[in-house]
């Protein structure tokens, strides 16, 4: 269960979807935000969450500004 407001979670998933990313990106960001809101994360913890999110993001490597 998330400690974040429903509207925040909804906006997060919408933004991730509009960016063409998979739901796992939103889930990982949500987990990171939840962790930050419920505890004091160390720099190492922050780095771990950041790497976890980064590894889920897909990047358009074709150089096109817009996908068709």
PDB file of N, CA and C in Angstrom:
ATOM      1  N   UNK A   1       0.845  -1.178   0.000  1.00  0.00           N
ATOM      2  CA  UNK A   1       0.000   0.000   0.000  1.00  0.00           C
ATOM      3  C   UNK A   1       0.890   1.241   0.000  1.00  0.00           C
ATOM      4  N   UNK A   2       0.490   2.196  -0.756  1.00  0.00           N
ATOM      5  CA  UNK A   2       1.284   3.407  -0.903  1.00  0.00           C
ATOM      6  C   UNK A   2       0.935   4.425   0.172  1.00  0.00           C
ATOM      7  N   UNK A   3       1.963   5.149   0.614  1.00  0.00           N
ATOM      8  CA  UNK A   3       1.729   6.224   1.572  1.00  0.00           C
ATOM      9  C   UNK A   3       1.499   7.558   0.856  1.00  0.00           C
ATOM     10  N   UNK A   4       1.540   7.526  -0.471  1.00  0.00           N
ATOM     11  CA  UNK A   4       1.371   8.743  -1.265  1.00  0.00           C
ATOM     12  C   UNK A   4      -0.092   8.995  -1.587  1.00  0.00           C
ATOM     13  N   UNK A   5      -0.420  10.240  -1.797  1.00  0.00           N
ATOM     14  CA  UNK A   5      -1.761  10.638  -2.185  1.00  0.00           C
ATOM     15  C   UNK A   5      -2.128  10.004  -3.531  1.00  0.00           C
ATOM     16  N   UNK A   6      -3.378   9.606  -3.658  1.00  0.00           N
ATOM     17  CA  UNK A   6      -3.860   8.976  -4.892  1.00  0.00           C
ATOM     18  C   UNK A   6      -3.593   9.849  -6.119  1.00  0.00           C
ATOM     19  N   UNK A   7      -3.796  11.150  -6.002  1.00  0.00           N
ATOM     20  CA  UNK A   7      -3.600  12.059  -7.133  1.00  0.00           C
ATOM     21  C   UNK A   7      -2.132  12.087  -7.573  1.00  0.00           C
ATOM     22  N   UNK A   8      -1.224  11.993  -6.626  1.00  0.00           N
ATOM     23  CA  UNK A   8       0.205  11.964  -6.947  1.00  0.00           C
ATOM     24  C   UNK A   8       0.528  10.695  -7.722  1.00  0.00           C
ATOM     25  N   UNK A   9       0.037   9.571  -7.235  1.00  0.00           N
ATOM     26  CA  UNK A   9       0.286   8.298  -7.906  1.00  0.00           C
ATOM     27  C   UNK A   9      -0.323   8.299  -9.302  1.00  0.00           C
ATOM     28  N   UNK A  10      -1.541   8.787  -9.410  1.00  0.00           N
ATOM     29  CA  UNK A  10      -2.217   8.850 -10.701  1.00  0.00           C
ATOM     30  C   UNK A  10      -1.429   9.712 -11.692  1.00  0.00           C
ATOM     31  N   UNK A  11      -0.988  10.874 -11.244  1.00  0.00           N
ATOM     32  CA  UNK A  11      -0.208  11.767 -12.115  1.00  0.00           C
ATOM     33  C   UNK A  11       1.120  11.129 -12.512  1.00  0.00           C
ATOM     34  N   UNK A  12       1.740  10.419 -11.592  1.00  0.00           N
ATOM     35  CA  UNK A  12       2.995   9.733 -11.877  1.00  0.00           C
ATOM     36  C   UNK A  12       2.808   8.704 -12.988  1.00  0.00           C
ATOM     37  N   UNK A  13       1.812   7.846 -12.848  1.00  0.00           N
ATOM     38  CA  UNK A  13       1.569   6.814 -13.858  1.00  0.00           C
ATOM     39  C   UNK A  13       1.187   7.435 -15.203  1.00  0.00           C
ATOM     40  N   UNK A  14       0.419   8.508 -15.172  1.00  0.00           N
ATOM     41  CA  UNK A  14       0.031   9.177 -16.410  1.00  0.00           C
ATOM     42  C   UNK A  14       1.259   9.765 -17.114  1.00  0.00           C
ATOM     43  N   UNK A  15       2.122  10.421 -16.370  1.00  0.00           N
ATOM     44  CA  UNK A  15       3.318  11.027 -16.954  1.00  0.00           C
ATOM     45  C   UNK A  15       4.250   9.965 -17.532  1.00  0.00           C
ATOM     46  N   UNK A  16       4.401   8.876 -16.818  1.00  0.00           N
ATOM     47  CA  UNK A  16       5.263   7.790 -17.300  1.00  0.00           C
ATOM     48  C   UNK A  16       4.680   7.201 -18.582  1.00  0.00           C
ATOM     49  N   UNK A  17       3.381   6.977 -18.596  1.00  0.00           N
ATOM     50  CA  UNK A  17       2.718   6.427 -19.779  1.00  0.00           C
ATOM     51  C   UNK A  17       2.843   7.373 -20.976  1.00  0.00           C
ATOM     52  N   UNK A  18       2.607   8.665 -20.745  1.00  0.00           N
ATOM     53  CA  UNK A  18       2.713   9.650 -21.819  1.00  0.00           C
ATOM     54  C   UNK A  18       4.138   9.762 -22.354  1.00  0.00           C
ATOM     55  N   UNK A  19       5.109   9.364 -21.548  1.00  0.00           N
ATOM     56  CA  UNK A  19       6.510   9.385 -21.971  1.00  0.00           C
ATOM     57  C   UNK A  19       6.883   8.134 -22.743  1.00  0.00           C
ATOM     58  N   UNK A  20       5.935   7.224 -22.885  1.00  0.00           N
ATOM     59  CA  UNK A  20       6.189   5.989 -23.625  1.00  0.00           C
ATOM     60  C   UNK A  20       6.976   4.959 -22.828  1.00  0.00           C
ATOM     61  N   UNK A  21       6.976   5.099 -21.510  1.00  0.00           N
ATOM     62  CA  UNK A  21       7.695   4.155 -20.659  1.00  0.00           C
ATOM     63  C   UNK A  21       6.731   3.085 -20.129  1.00  0.00           C
ATOM     64  N   UNK A  22       7.307   1.978 -19.703  1.00  0.00           N
ATOM     65  CA  UNK A  22       6.523   0.881 -19.147  1.00  0.00           C
ATOM     66  C   UNK A  22       6.079   1.196 -17.727  1.00  0.00           C
ATOM     67  N   UNK A  23       5.035   0.510 -17.261  1.00  0.00           N
ATOM     68  CA  UNK A  23       4.529   0.696 -15.898  1.00  0.00           C
ATOM     69  C   UNK A  23       5.591   0.446 -14.840  1.00  0.00           C
ATOM     70  N   UNK A  24       6.571  -0.423 -15.158  1.00  0.00           N
ATOM     71  CA  UNK A  24       7.595  -0.722 -14.146  1.00  0.00           C
ATOM     72  C   UNK A  24       8.392   0.527 -13.774  1.00  0.00           C
ATOM     73  N   UNK A  25       8.493   1.495 -14.685  1.00  0.00           N
ATOM     74  CA  UNK A  25       9.180   2.747 -14.370  1.00  0.00           C
ATOM     75  C   UNK A  25       8.388   3.489 -13.295  1.00  0.00           C
ATOM     76  N   UNK A  26       7.083   3.592 -13.486  1.00  0.00           N
ATOM     77  CA  UNK A  26       6.228   4.268 -12.499  1.00  0.00           C
ATOM     78  C   UNK A  26       6.255   3.535 -11.166  1.00  0.00           C
ATOM     79  N   UNK A  27       6.231   2.214 -11.203  1.00  0.00           N
ATOM     80  CA  UNK A  27       6.253   1.436  -9.963  1.00  0.00           C
ATOM     81  C   UNK A  27       7.546   1.676  -9.197  1.00  0.00           C
ATOM     82  N   UNK A  28       8.657   1.762  -9.903  1.00  0.00           N
ATOM     83  CA  UNK A  28       9.941   1.988  -9.244  1.00  0.00           C
ATOM     84  C   UNK A  28      10.045   3.408  -8.685  1.00  0.00           C
ATOM     85  N   UNK A  29       9.515   4.385  -9.421  1.00  0.00           N
ATOM     86  CA  UNK A  29       9.501   5.756  -8.910  1.00  0.00           C
ATOM     87  C   UNK A  29       8.588   5.848  -7.698  1.00  0.00           C
ATOM     88  N   UNK A  30       7.434   5.189  -7.776  1.00  0.00           N
ATOM     89  CA  UNK A  30       6.504   5.183  -6.638  1.00  0.00           C
ATOM     90  C   UNK A  30       7.177   4.579  -5.402  1.00  0.00           C
ATOM     91  N   UNK A  31       7.893   3.479  -5.574  1.00  0.00           N
ATOM     92  CA  UNK A  31       8.597   2.849  -4.451  1.00  0.00           C
ATOM     93  C   UNK A  31       9.626   3.803  -3.865  1.00  0.00           C
ATOM     94  N   UNK A  32      10.343   4.513  -4.727  1.00  0.00           N
ATOM     95  CA  UNK A  32      11.351   5.477  -4.276  1.00  0.00           C
ATOM     96  C   UNK A  32      10.696   6.606  -3.476  1.00  0.00           C
ATOM     97  N   UNK A  33       9.627   7.164  -4.027  1.00  0.00           N
ATOM     98  CA  UNK A  33       8.919   8.245  -3.338  1.00  0.00           C
ATOM     99  C   UNK A  33       8.359   7.766  -1.995  1.00  0.00           C
ATOM    100  N   UNK A  34       7.822   6.559  -1.963  1.00  0.00           N
ATOM    101  CA  UNK A  34       7.321   5.996  -0.704  1.00  0.00           C
ATOM    102  C   UNK A  34       8.439   5.864   0.316  1.00  0.00           C
ATOM    103  N   UNK A  35       9.577   5.377  -0.134  1.00  0.00           N
ATOM    104  CA  UNK A  35      10.713   5.216   0.779  1.00  0.00           C
ATOM    105  C   UNK A  35      11.161   6.569   1.324  1.00  0.00           C
ATOM    106  N   UNK A  36      11.198   7.569   0.467  1.00  0.00           N
ATOM    107  CA  UNK A  36      11.609   8.904   0.915  1.00  0.00           C
ATOM    108  C   UNK A  36      10.601   9.512   1.882  1.00  0.00           C
ATOM    109  N   UNK A  37       9.319   9.183   1.697  1.00  0.00           N
ATOM    110  CA  UNK A  37       8.298   9.786   2.556  1.00  0.00           C
ATOM    111  C   UNK A  37       8.164   9.086   3.904  1.00  0.00           C
ATOM    112  N   UNK A  38       8.715   7.890   4.022  1.00  0.00           N
ATOM    113  CA  UNK A  38       8.555   7.148   5.272  1.00  0.00           C
ATOM    114  C   UNK A  38       9.845   6.966   6.054  1.00  0.00           C
ATOM    115  N   UNK A  39      10.983   7.316   5.456  1.00  0.00           N
ATOM    116  CA  UNK A  39      12.252   7.140   6.163  1.00  0.00           C
ATOM    117  C   UNK A  39      13.310   8.086   5.619  1.00  0.00           C
ATOM    118  N   UNK A  40      14.377   8.200   6.374  1.00  0.00           N
ATOM    119  CA  UNK A  40      15.518   9.018   5.968  1.00  0.00           C
ATOM    120  C   UNK A  40      16.463   8.108   5.186  1.00  0.00           C
ATOM    121  N   UNK A  41      16.558   8.325   3.872  1.00  0.00           N
ATOM    122  CA  UNK A  41      17.404   7.477   3.033  1.00  0.00           C
ATOM    123  C   UNK A  41      18.842   7.975   3.043  1.00  0.00           C
ATOM    124  N   UNK A  42      19.753   7.048   3.080  1.00  0.00           N
ATOM    125  CA  UNK A  42      21.166   7.405   2.977  1.00  0.00           C
ATOM    126  C   UNK A  42      21.491   7.720   1.518  1.00  0.00           C
ATOM    127  N   UNK A  43      22.638   8.297   1.285  1.00  0.00           N
ATOM    128  CA  UNK A  43      23.067   8.583  -0.081  1.00  0.00           C
ATOM    129  C   UNK A  43      23.159   7.296  -0.888  1.00  0.00           C
ATOM    130  N   UNK A  44      23.608   6.237  -0.257  1.00  0.00           N
ATOM    131  CA  UNK A  44      23.705   4.935  -0.926  1.00  0.00           C
ATOM    132  C   UNK A  44      22.321   4.407  -1.299  1.00  0.00           C
ATOM    133  N   UNK A  45      21.357   4.548  -0.387  1.00  0.00           N
ATOM    134  CA  UNK A  45      19.983   4.135  -0.672  1.00  0.00           C
ATOM    135  C   UNK A  45      19.418   4.936  -1.838  1.00  0.00           C
ATOM    136  N   UNK A  46      19.641   6.248  -1.821  1.00  0.00           N
ATOM    137  CA  UNK A  46      19.160   7.109  -2.908  1.00  0.00           C
ATOM    138  C   UNK A  46      19.760   6.653  -4.241  1.00  0.00           C
ATOM    139  N   UNK A  47      21.054   6.358  -4.229  1.00  0.00           N
ATOM    140  CA  UNK A  47      21.737   5.896  -5.447  1.00  0.00           C
ATOM    141  C   UNK A  47      21.139   4.580  -5.937  1.00  0.00           C
ATOM    142  N   UNK A  48      20.841   3.677  -5.014  1.00  0.00           N
ATOM    143  CA  UNK A  48      20.239   2.396  -5.384  1.00  0.00           C
ATOM    144  C   UNK A  48      18.874   2.594  -6.039  1.00  0.00           C
ATOM    145  N   UNK A  49      18.043   3.454  -5.446  1.00  0.00           N
ATOM    146  CA  UNK A  49      16.730   3.722  -6.042  1.00  0.00           C
ATOM    147  C   UNK A  49      16.878   4.377  -7.412  1.00  0.00           C
ATOM    148  N   UNK A  50      17.783   5.330  -7.523  1.00  0.00           N
ATOM    149  CA  UNK A  50      18.001   6.006  -8.798  1.00  0.00           C
ATOM    150  C   UNK A  50      18.445   5.013  -9.871  1.00  0.00           C
ATOM    151  N   UNK A  51      19.367   4.158  -9.546  1.00  0.00           N
ATOM    152  CA  UNK A  51      19.843   3.149 -10.500  1.00  0.00           C
ATOM    153  C   UNK A  51      18.715   2.192 -10.882  1.00  0.00           C
ATOM    154  N   UNK A  52      17.888   1.829  -9.914  1.00  0.00           N
ATOM    155  CA  UNK A  52      16.759   0.948 -10.177  1.00  0.00           C
ATOM    156  C   UNK A  52      15.784   1.584 -11.171  1.00  0.00           C
ATOM    157  N   UNK A  53      15.490   2.854 -10.990  1.00  0.00           N
ATOM    158  CA  UNK A  53      14.608   3.566 -11.921  1.00  0.00           C
ATOM    159  C   UNK A  53      15.278   3.695 -13.284  1.00  0.00           C
ATOM    160  N   UNK A  54      16.543   4.109 -13.285  1.00  0.00           N
ATOM    161  CA  UNK A  54      17.263   4.297 -14.538  1.00  0.00           C
ATOM    162  C   UNK A  54      17.301   3.018 -15.366  1.00  0.00           C
ATOM    163  N   UNK A  55      17.489   1.889 -14.724  1.00  0.00           N
ATOM    164  CA  UNK A  55      17.585   0.626 -15.451  1.00  0.00           C
ATOM    165  C   UNK A  55      16.264   0.215 -16.099  1.00  0.00           C
ATOM    166  N   UNK A  56      15.147   0.773 -15.635  1.00  0.00           N
ATOM    167  CA  UNK A  56      13.838   0.442 -16.198  1.00  0.00           C
ATOM    168  C   UNK A  56      13.442   1.348 -17.361  1.00  0.00           C
ATOM    169  N   UNK A  57      14.143   2.459 -17.519  1.00  0.00           N
ATOM    170  CA  UNK A  57      13.785   3.434 -18.550  1.00  0.00           C
ATOM    171  C   UNK A  57      14.320   2.997 -19.905  1.00  0.00           C
ATOM    172  N   UNK A  58      13.445   3.048 -20.912  1.00  0.00           N
ATOM    173  CA  UNK A  58      13.876   2.762 -22.276  1.00  0.00           C
ATOM    174  C   UNK A  58      14.144   4.083 -22.983  1.00  0.00           C
ATOM    175  N   UNK A  59      15.194   4.079 -23.799  1.00  0.00           N
ATOM    176  CA  UNK A  59      15.615   5.294 -24.486  1.00  0.00           C
ATOM    177  C   UNK A  59      15.526   5.064 -25.982  1.00  0.00           C
ATOM    178  N   UNK A  60      14.976   6.044 -26.692  1.00  0.00           N
ATOM    179  CA  UNK A  60      14.913   6.008 -28.151  1.00  0.00           C
ATOM    180  C   UNK A  60      16.299   6.333 -28.683  1.00  0.00           C
ATOM    181  N   UNK A  61      16.984   5.347 -29.225  1.00  0.00           N
ATOM    182  CA  UNK A  61      18.354   5.545 -29.669  1.00  0.00           C
ATOM    183  C   UNK A  61      18.452   5.843 -31.168  1.00  0.00           C
ATOM    184  N   UNK A  62      17.336   6.011 -31.853  1.00  0.00           N
ATOM    185  CA  UNK A  62      17.371   6.272 -33.289  1.00  0.00           C
ATOM    186  C   UNK A  62      17.687   7.716 -33.605  1.00  0.00           C
ATOM    187  N   UNK A  63      17.550   8.582 -32.623  1.00  0.00           N
ATOM    188  CA  UNK A  63      17.805   9.995 -32.832  1.00  0.00           C
ATOM    189  C   UNK A  63      16.590  10.758 -33.313  1.00  0.00           C
ATOM    190  N   UNK A  64      15.476  10.061 -33.562  1.00  0.00           N
ATOM    191  CA  UNK A  64      14.235  10.735 -33.977  1.00  0.00           C
ATOM    192  C   UNK A  64      13.664  11.515 -32.814  1.00  0.00           C
ATOM    193  N   UNK A  65      13.129  12.684 -33.106  1.00  0.00           N
ATOM    194  CA  UNK A  65      12.472  13.474 -32.065  1.00  0.00           C
ATOM    195  C   UNK A  65      11.118  12.907 -31.718  1.00  0.00           C
ATOM    196  N   UNK A  66      10.442  12.323 -32.701  1.00  0.00           N
ATOM    197  CA  UNK A  66       9.114  11.772 -32.490  1.00  0.00           C
ATOM    198  C   UNK A  66       9.055  10.386 -33.080  1.00  0.00           C
ATOM    199  N   UNK A  67       8.499   9.457 -32.305  1.00  0.00           N
ATOM    200  CA  UNK A  67       8.312   8.118 -32.820  1.00  0.00           C
ATOM    201  C   UNK A  67       7.007   8.088 -33.600  1.00  0.00           C
ATOM    202  N   UNK A  68       6.964   7.283 -34.640  1.00  0.00           N
ATOM    203  CA  UNK A  68       5.750   7.127 -35.438  1.00  0.00           C
ATOM    204  C   UNK A  68       4.981   5.917 -35.019  1.00  0.00           C
TER     205      UNK A  68
END
